[in-house]
């Protein structure tokens, strides 16, 4: 064969390889990034209450757990209501013809399905009419509301917590639930991913009135608290409640111009915030020292500092 013929064959094979590689990259680009973690709309609720305009949205927490199969995740949706509501869905993601993406919810057939670590697809049945379709990267999918509504009565009360729209935007997970239809056409939950902080707290046995010479310190080791409205009760060394709690929350002040992470010391009996400190939302550590109570926290993904000996109580 002439050299020119060999060159043409080589170029053709290379072109085919590039086409296959491009197709593969295109297919991969629509696959959603791994989605797992806890998402909480605490700030959305807080902002609505602060503005005192209309009825604040319900507090919603969404836990997304991975399984051994990357195509499947388990979604636990909890809504603070009276009475409280919760529902669990298995979600199956798959690329569709034409480059779209579908996320199909599955309802459990078992009263208590196996945990995500032992996920068994046989324990779940698909809700195809409520499949969410769109793009996978970044994830933005919506369901056919009319089709889903047609089968909702057969799902039961838990249908209220079925996602009709899901959008991932950075640390945010925007979710429109079936129950949100009653509150408006554009209503959704703006839930932010919870970042976990761990560390220690020391409280003096005398509480707020502790004597300056008191060394009666009660250490709370292994404190773990979430960034989206997390709360931890402080304890005396015998395990009884000390009457004070720590609260950690991401908030935005001054009409959305000052985002902070805020650590508060709360008096349990009254709910009153006794003192607080704040840092920028990207901070990997935060603490507070009131003399009679001292706290040191760091992000779970940052090196934790050993707790120092509590400082003397100051009046």
C-alpha atoms as a PDB file:
ATOM      1  CA  UNK A   1       0.000   0.000   0.000  1.00  0.00           C
ATOM      2  CA  UNK A   2       1.259   3.472  -0.825  1.00  0.00           C
ATOM      3  CA  UNK A   3       2.346   5.746   2.024  1.00  0.00           C
ATOM      4  CA  UNK A   4      -0.474   8.170   1.180  1.00  0.00           C
ATOM      5  CA  UNK A   5      -3.022   5.387   1.623  1.00  0.00           C
ATOM      6  CA  UNK A   6      -1.576   4.429   5.010  1.00  0.00           C
ATOM      7  CA  UNK A   7      -1.714   8.067   6.081  1.00  0.00           C
ATOM      8  CA  UNK A   8      -5.395   8.354   5.132  1.00  0.00           C
ATOM      9  CA  UNK A   9      -6.213   5.187   7.092  1.00  0.00           C
ATOM     10  CA  UNK A  10      -4.306   6.481  10.127  1.00  0.00           C
ATOM     11  CA  UNK A  11      -6.088   9.835   9.951  1.00  0.00           C
ATOM     12  CA  UNK A  12      -9.475   8.102   9.648  1.00  0.00           C
ATOM     13  CA  UNK A  13      -8.798   5.899  12.683  1.00  0.00           C
ATOM     14  CA  UNK A  14      -7.637   8.916  14.683  1.00  0.00           C
ATOM     15  CA  UNK A  15     -10.775  10.834  13.696  1.00  0.00           C
ATOM     16  CA  UNK A  16     -13.004   7.926  14.770  1.00  0.00           C
ATOM     17  CA  UNK A  17     -11.132   7.758  18.062  1.00  0.00           C
ATOM     18  CA  UNK A  18     -11.631  11.487  18.614  1.00  0.00           C
ATOM     19  CA  UNK A  19     -15.361  11.207  17.834  1.00  0.00           C
ATOM     20  CA  UNK A  20     -15.766   8.353  20.319  1.00  0.00           C
ATOM     21  CA  UNK A  21     -13.787  10.303  22.917  1.00  0.00           C
ATOM     22  CA  UNK A  22     -15.901  13.420  22.328  1.00  0.00           C
ATOM     23  CA  UNK A  23     -19.117  11.395  22.598  1.00  0.00           C
ATOM     24  CA  UNK A  24     -17.849   9.839  25.807  1.00  0.00           C
ATOM     25  CA  UNK A  25     -16.938  13.247  27.246  1.00  0.00           C
ATOM     26  CA  UNK A  26     -20.334  14.634  26.266  1.00  0.00           C
ATOM     27  CA  UNK A  27     -22.079  11.710  27.926  1.00  0.00           C
ATOM     28  CA  UNK A  28     -19.958  12.086  31.045  1.00  0.00           C
ATOM     29  CA  UNK A  29     -20.590  15.838  31.269  1.00  0.00           C
ATOM     30  CA  UNK A  30     -24.284  15.182  31.818  1.00  0.00           C
ATOM     31  CA  UNK A  31     -23.689  12.740  34.652  1.00  0.00           C
ATOM     32  CA  UNK A  32     -24.433  14.473  37.977  1.00  0.00           C
ATOM     33  CA  UNK A  33     -21.618  15.039  40.397  1.00  0.00           C
ATOM     34  CA  UNK A  34     -21.774  12.823  43.469  1.00  0.00           C
ATOM     35  CA  UNK A  35     -24.532  14.205  45.668  1.00  0.00           C
ATOM     36  CA  UNK A  36     -24.525  13.371  49.345  1.00  0.00           C
ATOM     37  CA  UNK A  37     -24.725  15.188  52.655  1.00  0.00           C
ATOM     38  CA  UNK A  38     -27.233  17.048  54.796  1.00  0.00           C
ATOM     39  CA  UNK A  39     -29.019  20.121  53.445  1.00  0.00           C
ATOM     40  CA  UNK A  40     -30.997  22.511  55.658  1.00  0.00           C
ATOM     41  CA  UNK A  41     -33.048  25.632  54.814  1.00  0.00           C
ATOM     42  CA  UNK A  42     -32.431  27.225  58.243  1.00  0.00           C
ATOM     43  CA  UNK A  43     -31.375  30.605  56.863  1.00  0.00           C
ATOM     44  CA  UNK A  44     -34.350  30.788  54.506  1.00  0.00           C
ATOM     45  CA  UNK A  45     -36.685  30.309  57.479  1.00  0.00           C
ATOM     46  CA  UNK A  46     -34.732  32.792  59.628  1.00  0.00           C
ATOM     47  CA  UNK A  47     -34.762  35.444  56.900  1.00  0.00           C
ATOM     48  CA  UNK A  48     -38.525  35.124  56.431  1.00  0.00           C
ATOM     49  CA  UNK A  49     -39.131  35.482  60.155  1.00  0.00           C
ATOM     50  CA  UNK A  50     -36.838  38.495  60.387  1.00  0.00           C
ATOM     51  CA  UNK A  51     -38.625  40.255  57.539  1.00  0.00           C
ATOM     52  CA  UNK A  52     -42.022  39.417  59.095  1.00  0.00           C
ATOM     53  CA  UNK A  53     -43.666  39.393  55.670  1.00  0.00           C
ATOM     54  CA  UNK A  54     -46.123  36.596  55.123  1.00  0.00           C
ATOM     55  CA  UNK A  55     -45.955  33.061  56.462  1.00  0.00           C
ATOM     56  CA  UNK A  56     -42.390  31.757  56.792  1.00  0.00           C
ATOM     57  CA  UNK A  57     -41.544  28.590  54.864  1.00  0.00           C
ATOM     58  CA  UNK A  58     -41.436  25.307  56.749  1.00  0.00           C
ATOM     59  CA  UNK A  59     -38.108  24.127  58.104  1.00  0.00           C
ATOM     60  CA  UNK A  60     -36.909  21.292  55.874  1.00  0.00           C
ATOM     61  CA  UNK A  61     -33.877  19.014  56.278  1.00  0.00           C
ATOM     62  CA  UNK A  62     -32.793  16.699  53.456  1.00  0.00           C
ATOM     63  CA  UNK A  63     -30.253  13.936  54.076  1.00  0.00           C
ATOM     64  CA  UNK A  64     -28.842  12.407  50.887  1.00  0.00           C
ATOM     65  CA  UNK A  65     -26.976   9.143  51.431  1.00  0.00           C
ATOM     66  CA  UNK A  66     -24.876   7.394  48.760  1.00  0.00           C
ATOM     67  CA  UNK A  67     -25.106   3.669  48.086  1.00  0.00           C
ATOM     68  CA  UNK A  68     -22.586   1.202  46.703  1.00  0.00           C
ATOM     69  CA  UNK A  69     -24.104   1.846  43.251  1.00  0.00           C
ATOM     70  CA  UNK A  70     -23.322   5.412  42.136  1.00  0.00           C
ATOM     71  CA  UNK A  71     -26.625   5.571  40.215  1.00  0.00           C
ATOM     72  CA  UNK A  72     -28.622   5.290  43.454  1.00  0.00           C
ATOM     73  CA  UNK A  73     -28.983   7.601  46.444  1.00  0.00           C
ATOM     74  CA  UNK A  74     -31.317   7.516  49.439  1.00  0.00           C
ATOM     75  CA  UNK A  75     -33.141  10.759  50.272  1.00  0.00           C
ATOM     76  CA  UNK A  76     -34.553  11.352  53.758  1.00  0.00           C
ATOM     77  CA  UNK A  77     -36.823  14.414  53.790  1.00  0.00           C
ATOM     78  CA  UNK A  78     -37.938  15.860  57.140  1.00  0.00           C
ATOM     79  CA  UNK A  79     -40.380  18.718  57.587  1.00  0.00           C
ATOM     80  CA  UNK A  80     -40.958  20.529  60.871  1.00  0.00           C
ATOM     81  CA  UNK A  81     -44.718  20.747  61.115  1.00  0.00           C
ATOM     82  CA  UNK A  82     -47.415  19.874  63.602  1.00  0.00           C
ATOM     83  CA  UNK A  83     -47.242  16.927  63.504  1.00  0.00           C
ATOM     84  CA  UNK A  84     -43.765  16.505  62.039  1.00  0.00           C
ATOM     85  CA  UNK A  85     -43.503  14.699  58.706  1.00  0.00           C
ATOM     86  CA  UNK A  86     -40.779  12.620  57.105  1.00  0.00           C
ATOM     87  CA  UNK A  87     -40.365  10.458  54.030  1.00  0.00           C
ATOM     88  CA  UNK A  88     -37.631   8.350  52.468  1.00  0.00           C
ATOM     89  CA  UNK A  89     -37.096   7.912  48.743  1.00  0.00           C
ATOM     90  CA  UNK A  90     -34.584   5.961  46.697  1.00  0.00           C
ATOM     91  CA  UNK A  91     -33.463   8.027  43.716  1.00  0.00           C
ATOM     92  CA  UNK A  92     -32.120   6.455  40.531  1.00  0.00           C
ATOM     93  CA  UNK A  93     -30.241   8.659  38.086  1.00  0.00           C
ATOM     94  CA  UNK A  94     -29.676   7.741  34.443  1.00  0.00           C
ATOM     95  CA  UNK A  95     -28.654   9.498  31.247  1.00  0.00           C
ATOM     96  CA  UNK A  96     -31.365   9.584  28.591  1.00  0.00           C
ATOM     97  CA  UNK A  97     -31.355   9.628  24.800  1.00  0.00           C
ATOM     98  CA  UNK A  98     -30.552  13.053  23.429  1.00  0.00           C
ATOM     99  CA  UNK A  99     -28.262  13.946  26.317  1.00  0.00           C
ATOM    100  CA  UNK A 100     -30.904  14.617  28.969  1.00  0.00           C
ATOM    101  CA  UNK A 101     -30.912  13.178  32.468  1.00  0.00           C
ATOM    102  CA  UNK A 102     -33.657  11.548  34.539  1.00  0.00           C
ATOM    103  CA  UNK A 103     -33.902  11.118  38.300  1.00  0.00           C
ATOM    104  CA  UNK A 104     -36.628   8.632  39.194  1.00  0.00           C
ATOM    105  CA  UNK A 105     -37.973   8.383  42.762  1.00  0.00           C
ATOM    106  CA  UNK A 106     -38.718   4.965  44.230  1.00  0.00           C
ATOM    107  CA  UNK A 107     -41.059   4.235  47.148  1.00  0.00           C
ATOM    108  CA  UNK A 108     -40.144   1.627  49.726  1.00  0.00           C
ATOM    109  CA  UNK A 109     -42.062  -1.652  49.739  1.00  0.00           C
ATOM    110  CA  UNK A 110     -40.759  -2.508  53.209  1.00  0.00           C
ATOM    111  CA  UNK A 111     -41.846  -0.913  56.455  1.00  0.00           C
ATOM    112  CA  UNK A 112     -38.170  -0.468  57.314  1.00  0.00           C
ATOM    113  CA  UNK A 113     -35.956  -0.680  54.227  1.00  0.00           C
ATOM    114  CA  UNK A 114     -32.334  -1.711  54.532  1.00  0.00           C
ATOM    115  CA  UNK A 115     -29.897   1.148  55.235  1.00  0.00           C
ATOM    116  CA  UNK A 116     -28.044   2.732  52.345  1.00  0.00           C
ATOM    117  CA  UNK A 117     -24.970   0.653  53.155  1.00  0.00           C
ATOM    118  CA  UNK A 118     -26.994  -2.495  52.375  1.00  0.00           C
ATOM    119  CA  UNK A 119     -29.228  -1.020  49.667  1.00  0.00           C
ATOM    120  CA  UNK A 120     -31.469  -3.581  47.973  1.00  0.00           C
ATOM    121  CA  UNK A 121     -33.368  -2.401  44.885  1.00  0.00           C
ATOM    122  CA  UNK A 122     -35.887  -5.228  45.382  1.00  0.00           C
ATOM    123  CA  UNK A 123     -37.263  -3.338  48.384  1.00  0.00           C
ATOM    124  CA  UNK A 124     -38.305  -0.377  46.229  1.00  0.00           C
ATOM    125  CA  UNK A 125     -40.867   0.297  43.488  1.00  0.00           C
ATOM    126  CA  UNK A 126     -40.523   3.080  40.887  1.00  0.00           C
ATOM    127  CA  UNK A 127     -42.743   6.159  40.687  1.00  0.00           C
ATOM    128  CA  UNK A 128     -42.188   6.683  36.962  1.00  0.00           C
ATOM    129  CA  UNK A 129     -44.919   9.317  36.672  1.00  0.00           C
ATOM    130  CA  UNK A 130     -42.925  11.504  39.092  1.00  0.00           C
ATOM    131  CA  UNK A 131     -39.564  11.135  37.329  1.00  0.00           C
ATOM    132  CA  UNK A 132     -37.616  14.407  37.224  1.00  0.00           C
ATOM    133  CA  UNK A 133     -35.979  15.255  33.904  1.00  0.00           C
ATOM    134  CA  UNK A 134     -33.473  17.836  32.789  1.00  0.00           C
ATOM    135  CA  UNK A 135     -29.696  17.996  32.932  1.00  0.00           C
ATOM    136  CA  UNK A 136     -27.322  16.195  35.224  1.00  0.00           C
ATOM    137  CA  UNK A 137     -24.332  18.516  35.489  1.00  0.00           C
ATOM    138  CA  UNK A 138     -25.060  20.734  37.247  1.00  0.00           C
ATOM    139  CA  UNK A 139     -28.175  18.892  38.383  1.00  0.00           C
ATOM    140  CA  UNK A 140     -31.373  20.687  37.370  1.00  0.00           C
ATOM    141  CA  UNK A 141     -34.433  18.496  36.907  1.00  0.00           C
ATOM    142  CA  UNK A 142     -38.217  18.906  37.148  1.00  0.00           C
ATOM    143  CA  UNK A 143     -41.145  16.491  37.178  1.00  0.00           C
ATOM    144  CA  UNK A 144     -44.359  16.547  35.159  1.00  0.00           C
ATOM    145  CA  UNK A 145     -46.613  17.882  37.905  1.00  0.00           C
ATOM    146  CA  UNK A 146     -49.852  16.745  36.281  1.00  0.00           C
ATOM    147  CA  UNK A 147     -48.597  13.183  35.763  1.00  0.00           C
ATOM    148  CA  UNK A 148     -47.270  12.997  39.320  1.00  0.00           C
ATOM    149  CA  UNK A 149     -50.489  14.401  40.769  1.00  0.00           C
ATOM    150  CA  UNK A 150     -52.417  11.579  39.109  1.00  0.00           C
ATOM    151  CA  UNK A 151     -50.617   8.930  41.179  1.00  0.00           C
ATOM    152  CA  UNK A 152     -50.123  10.960  44.399  1.00  0.00           C
ATOM    153  CA  UNK A 153     -53.260   9.601  46.146  1.00  0.00           C
ATOM    154  CA  UNK A 154     -51.885   6.076  45.850  1.00  0.00           C
ATOM    155  CA  UNK A 155     -48.617   7.117  47.505  1.00  0.00           C
ATOM    156  CA  UNK A 156     -50.314   8.411  50.615  1.00  0.00           C
ATOM    157  CA  UNK A 157     -49.410  11.271  52.953  1.00  0.00           C
ATOM    158  CA  UNK A 158     -45.697  10.938  52.237  1.00  0.00           C
ATOM    159  CA  UNK A 159     -46.340  12.266  48.710  1.00  0.00           C
ATOM    160  CA  UNK A 160     -46.283  15.727  50.278  1.00  0.00           C
ATOM    161  CA  UNK A 161     -42.510  15.386  50.613  1.00  0.00           C
ATOM    162  CA  UNK A 162     -41.896  14.095  47.078  1.00  0.00           C
ATOM    163  CA  UNK A 163     -39.507  16.370  45.113  1.00  0.00           C
ATOM    164  CA  UNK A 164     -41.021  17.934  41.996  1.00  0.00           C
ATOM    165  CA  UNK A 165     -37.961  20.033  41.207  1.00  0.00           C
ATOM    166  CA  UNK A 166     -34.288  19.779  42.208  1.00  0.00           C
ATOM    167  CA  UNK A 167     -31.427  22.135  41.398  1.00  0.00           C
ATOM    168  CA  UNK A 168     -27.858  21.969  42.704  1.00  0.00           C
ATOM    169  CA  UNK A 169     -26.092  25.331  42.843  1.00  0.00           C
ATOM    170  CA  UNK A 170     -22.748  25.244  44.614  1.00  0.00           C
ATOM    171  CA  UNK A 171     -23.419  24.564  48.305  1.00  0.00           C
ATOM    172  CA  UNK A 172     -27.165  25.001  47.763  1.00  0.00           C
ATOM    173  CA  UNK A 173     -29.804  22.395  47.019  1.00  0.00           C
ATOM    174  CA  UNK A 174     -33.004  24.049  45.782  1.00  0.00           C
ATOM    175  CA  UNK A 175     -35.942  21.649  46.102  1.00  0.00           C
ATOM    176  CA  UNK A 176     -39.603  22.127  45.272  1.00  0.00           C
ATOM    177  CA  UNK A 177     -41.719  19.599  47.150  1.00  0.00           C
ATOM    178  CA  UNK A 178     -45.160  18.344  46.183  1.00  0.00           C
ATOM    179  CA  UNK A 179     -46.633  20.185  49.186  1.00  0.00           C
ATOM    180  CA  UNK A 180     -45.152  23.499  47.979  1.00  0.00           C
ATOM    181  CA  UNK A 181     -47.800  23.717  45.272  1.00  0.00           C
ATOM    182  CA  UNK A 182     -50.269  24.983  47.865  1.00  0.00           C
ATOM    183  CA  UNK A 183     -47.979  27.948  48.637  1.00  0.00           C
ATOM    184  CA  UNK A 184     -47.403  29.238  45.121  1.00  0.00           C
ATOM    185  CA  UNK A 185     -46.117  28.445  41.650  1.00  0.00           C
ATOM    186  CA  UNK A 186     -42.492  29.387  42.355  1.00  0.00           C
ATOM    187  CA  UNK A 187     -42.137  28.286  45.968  1.00  0.00           C
ATOM    188  CA  UNK A 188     -39.181  26.058  46.824  1.00  0.00           C
ATOM    189  CA  UNK A 189     -36.870  25.227  49.703  1.00  0.00           C
ATOM    190  CA  UNK A 190     -33.411  26.791  49.563  1.00  0.00           C
ATOM    191  CA  UNK A 191     -31.353  24.328  51.576  1.00  0.00           C
ATOM    192  CA  UNK A 192     -27.632  24.782  52.155  1.00  0.00           C
ATOM    193  CA  UNK A 193     -25.180  21.955  52.747  1.00  0.00           C
ATOM    194  CA  UNK A 194     -24.406  21.497  56.426  1.00  0.00           C
ATOM    195  CA  UNK A 195     -20.749  21.857  57.397  1.00  0.00           C
ATOM    196  CA  UNK A 196     -19.823  20.073  60.603  1.00  0.00           C
ATOM    197  CA  UNK A 197     -17.702  21.498  63.390  1.00  0.00           C
ATOM    198  CA  UNK A 198     -16.218  19.557  66.276  1.00  0.00           C
ATOM    199  CA  UNK A 199     -14.351  20.481  69.422  1.00  0.00           C
ATOM    200  CA  UNK A 200     -14.858  21.139  73.106  1.00  0.00           C
ATOM    201  CA  UNK A 201     -16.644  23.354  75.608  1.00  0.00           C
ATOM    202  CA  UNK A 202     -15.854  24.046  79.266  1.00  0.00           C
ATOM    203  CA  UNK A 203     -18.440  25.423  81.674  1.00  0.00           C
ATOM    204  CA  UNK A 204     -17.785  26.462  85.256  1.00  0.00           C
ATOM    205  CA  UNK A 205     -19.893  24.869  87.963  1.00  0.00           C
ATOM    206  CA  UNK A 206     -20.962  28.314  89.155  1.00  0.00           C
ATOM    207  CA  UNK A 207     -22.513  29.203  85.810  1.00  0.00           C
ATOM    208  CA  UNK A 208     -22.808  32.895  85.010  1.00  0.00           C
ATOM    209  CA  UNK A 209     -22.223  33.747  88.693  1.00  0.00           C
ATOM    210  CA  UNK A 210     -19.052  31.687  89.018  1.00  0.00           C
ATOM    211  CA  UNK A 211     -16.524  32.977  91.542  1.00  0.00           C
ATOM    212  CA  UNK A 212     -13.303  34.330  90.074  1.00  0.00           C
ATOM    213  CA  UNK A 213     -11.274  31.797  92.066  1.00  0.00           C
ATOM    214  CA  UNK A 214     -13.383  28.789  91.018  1.00  0.00           C
ATOM    215  CA  UNK A 215     -11.656  25.944  89.221  1.00  0.00           C
ATOM    216  CA  UNK A 216     -14.791  23.809  89.051  1.00  0.00           C
ATOM    217  CA  UNK A 217     -14.630  23.204  85.322  1.00  0.00           C
ATOM    218  CA  UNK A 218     -16.880  20.720  83.558  1.00  0.00           C
ATOM    219  CA  UNK A 219     -15.413  19.685  80.205  1.00  0.00           C
ATOM    220  CA  UNK A 220     -17.664  18.777  77.271  1.00  0.00           C
ATOM    221  CA  UNK A 221     -15.412  16.892  74.893  1.00  0.00           C
ATOM    222  CA  UNK A 222     -16.438  15.548  71.523  1.00  0.00           C
ATOM    223  CA  UNK A 223     -18.838  18.425  70.759  1.00  0.00           C
ATOM    224  CA  UNK A 224     -20.175  18.130  67.196  1.00  0.00           C
ATOM    225  CA  UNK A 225     -22.511  20.716  65.707  1.00  0.00           C
ATOM    226  CA  UNK A 226     -23.845  21.563  62.234  1.00  0.00           C
ATOM    227  CA  UNK A 227     -23.513  24.974  60.623  1.00  0.00           C
ATOM    228  CA  UNK A 228     -27.193  25.382  59.654  1.00  0.00           C
ATOM    229  CA  UNK A 229     -28.901  26.044  62.972  1.00  0.00           C
ATOM    230  CA  UNK A 230     -27.182  23.212  64.848  1.00  0.00           C
ATOM    231  CA  UNK A 231     -27.645  23.109  68.610  1.00  0.00           C
ATOM    232  CA  UNK A 232     -25.788  21.218  71.349  1.00  0.00           C
ATOM    233  CA  UNK A 233     -26.781  21.091  75.008  1.00  0.00           C
ATOM    234  CA  UNK A 234     -23.919  21.562  77.480  1.00  0.00           C
ATOM    235  CA  UNK A 235     -23.674  19.112  80.358  1.00  0.00           C
ATOM    236  CA  UNK A 236     -22.198  18.895  83.810  1.00  0.00           C
ATOM    237  CA  UNK A 237     -19.597  16.188  84.358  1.00  0.00           C
ATOM    238  CA  UNK A 238     -22.313  13.845  85.718  1.00  0.00           C
ATOM    239  CA  UNK A 239     -24.171  14.039  82.400  1.00  0.00           C
ATOM    240  CA  UNK A 240     -27.017  16.249  83.594  1.00  0.00           C
ATOM    241  CA  UNK A 241     -27.918  19.334  81.520  1.00  0.00           C
ATOM    242  CA  UNK A 242     -26.110  22.499  82.566  1.00  0.00           C
ATOM    243  CA  UNK A 243     -28.950  24.756  81.408  1.00  0.00           C
ATOM    244  CA  UNK A 244     -27.042  26.270  78.490  1.00  0.00           C
ATOM    245  CA  UNK A 245     -26.614  25.322  74.839  1.00  0.00           C
ATOM    246  CA  UNK A 246     -24.430  26.218  71.892  1.00  0.00           C
ATOM    247  CA  UNK A 247     -26.014  27.265  68.601  1.00  0.00           C
ATOM    248  CA  UNK A 248     -24.215  27.537  65.260  1.00  0.00           C
ATOM    249  CA  UNK A 249     -25.771  29.090  62.165  1.00  0.00           C
ATOM    250  CA  UNK A 250     -24.971  30.634  58.808  1.00  0.00           C
ATOM    251  CA  UNK A 251     -26.782  33.958  58.417  1.00  0.00           C
ATOM    252  CA  UNK A 252     -26.653  37.004  56.170  1.00  0.00           C
ATOM    253  CA  UNK A 253     -27.071  40.493  57.597  1.00  0.00           C
ATOM    254  CA  UNK A 254     -27.479  43.982  56.097  1.00  0.00           C
ATOM    255  CA  UNK A 255     -29.805  43.066  53.273  1.00  0.00           C
ATOM    256  CA  UNK A 256     -27.701  40.154  52.126  1.00  0.00           C
ATOM    257  CA  UNK A 257     -24.347  41.923  52.122  1.00  0.00           C
ATOM    258  CA  UNK A 258     -22.707  40.426  55.226  1.00  0.00           C
ATOM    259  CA  UNK A 259     -22.656  36.598  55.352  1.00  0.00           C
ATOM    260  CA  UNK A 260     -21.330  35.171  58.628  1.00  0.00           C
ATOM    261  CA  UNK A 261     -21.151  32.014  60.672  1.00  0.00           C
ATOM    262  CA  UNK A 262     -22.400  32.749  64.186  1.00  0.00           C
ATOM    263  CA  UNK A 263     -21.701  30.851  67.421  1.00  0.00           C
ATOM    264  CA  UNK A 264     -24.081  31.638  70.285  1.00  0.00           C
ATOM    265  CA  UNK A 265     -24.377  30.693  73.945  1.00  0.00           C
ATOM    266  CA  UNK A 266     -28.069  30.226  74.756  1.00  0.00           C
ATOM    267  CA  UNK A 267     -29.836  30.094  78.109  1.00  0.00           C
ATOM    268  CA  UNK A 268     -32.118  27.070  77.801  1.00  0.00           C
ATOM    269  CA  UNK A 269     -34.810  28.210  80.261  1.00  0.00           C
ATOM    270  CA  UNK A 270     -35.529  31.455  78.428  1.00  0.00           C
ATOM    271  CA  UNK A 271     -34.105  30.827  74.951  1.00  0.00           C
ATOM    272  CA  UNK A 272     -32.159  34.069  75.375  1.00  0.00           C
ATOM    273  CA  UNK A 273     -28.846  34.448  73.556  1.00  0.00           C
ATOM    274  CA  UNK A 274     -26.334  35.458  76.248  1.00  0.00           C
ATOM    275  CA  UNK A 275     -23.437  36.172  73.912  1.00  0.00           C
ATOM    276  CA  UNK A 276     -22.191  35.336  70.442  1.00  0.00           C
ATOM    277  CA  UNK A 277     -19.168  35.508  68.192  1.00  0.00           C
ATOM    278  CA  UNK A 278     -18.983  35.375  64.439  1.00  0.00           C
ATOM    279  CA  UNK A 279     -16.550  34.746  61.615  1.00  0.00           C
ATOM    280  CA  UNK A 280     -16.642  34.659  57.835  1.00  0.00           C
ATOM    281  CA  UNK A 281     -18.463  31.628  56.395  1.00  0.00           C
ATOM    282  CA  UNK A 282     -15.207  30.108  55.106  1.00  0.00           C
ATOM    283  CA  UNK A 283     -13.665  30.015  58.598  1.00  0.00           C
ATOM    284  CA  UNK A 284     -12.292  26.648  59.653  1.00  0.00           C
ATOM    285  CA  UNK A 285     -12.409  27.492  63.365  1.00  0.00           C
ATOM    286  CA  UNK A 286     -14.605  29.532  65.713  1.00  0.00           C
ATOM    287  CA  UNK A 287     -14.793  29.943  69.469  1.00  0.00           C
ATOM    288  CA  UNK A 288     -15.896  32.118  72.360  1.00  0.00           C
ATOM    289  CA  UNK A 289     -14.654  32.900  75.872  1.00  0.00           C
ATOM    290  CA  UNK A 290     -16.997  34.393  78.442  1.00  0.00           C
ATOM    291  CA  UNK A 291     -14.860  33.384  81.372  1.00  0.00           C
ATOM    292  CA  UNK A 292     -17.427  31.041  82.882  1.00  0.00           C
ATOM    293  CA  UNK A 293     -17.960  29.231  79.569  1.00  0.00           C
ATOM    294  CA  UNK A 294     -15.289  28.679  76.919  1.00  0.00           C
ATOM    295  CA  UNK A 295     -15.666  26.981  73.529  1.00  0.00           C
ATOM    296  CA  UNK A 296     -13.325  25.960  70.723  1.00  0.00           C
ATOM    297  CA  UNK A 297     -14.616  24.446  67.469  1.00  0.00           C
ATOM    298  CA  UNK A 298     -12.999  23.586  64.151  1.00  0.00           C
ATOM    299  CA  UNK A 299     -14.305  22.211  60.876  1.00  0.00           C
ATOM    300  CA  UNK A 300     -14.385  18.425  60.743  1.00  0.00           C
ATOM    301  CA  UNK A 301     -12.195  18.570  57.643  1.00  0.00           C
ATOM    302  CA  UNK A 302      -9.622  20.796  59.396  1.00  0.00           C
ATOM    303  CA  UNK A 303      -7.079  19.744  62.053  1.00  0.00           C
ATOM    304  CA  UNK A 304      -8.637  20.006  65.508  1.00  0.00           C
ATOM    305  CA  UNK A 305      -6.741  21.748  68.281  1.00  0.00           C
ATOM    306  CA  UNK A 306      -6.503  20.084  71.678  1.00  0.00           C
ATOM    307  CA  UNK A 307      -8.561  21.929  74.317  1.00  0.00           C
ATOM    308  CA  UNK A 308      -6.444  24.152  76.545  1.00  0.00           C
ATOM    309  CA  UNK A 309      -6.887  24.330  80.288  1.00  0.00           C
ATOM    310  CA  UNK A 310      -9.825  26.697  80.940  1.00  0.00           C
ATOM    311  CA  UNK A 311      -8.773  30.210  81.871  1.00  0.00           C
ATOM    312  CA  UNK A 312      -9.666  31.663  85.253  1.00  0.00           C
ATOM    313  CA  UNK A 313     -13.172  32.998  85.643  1.00  0.00           C
ATOM    314  CA  UNK A 314     -13.406  36.751  85.213  1.00  0.00           C
ATOM    315  CA  UNK A 315     -16.243  38.764  86.610  1.00  0.00           C
END
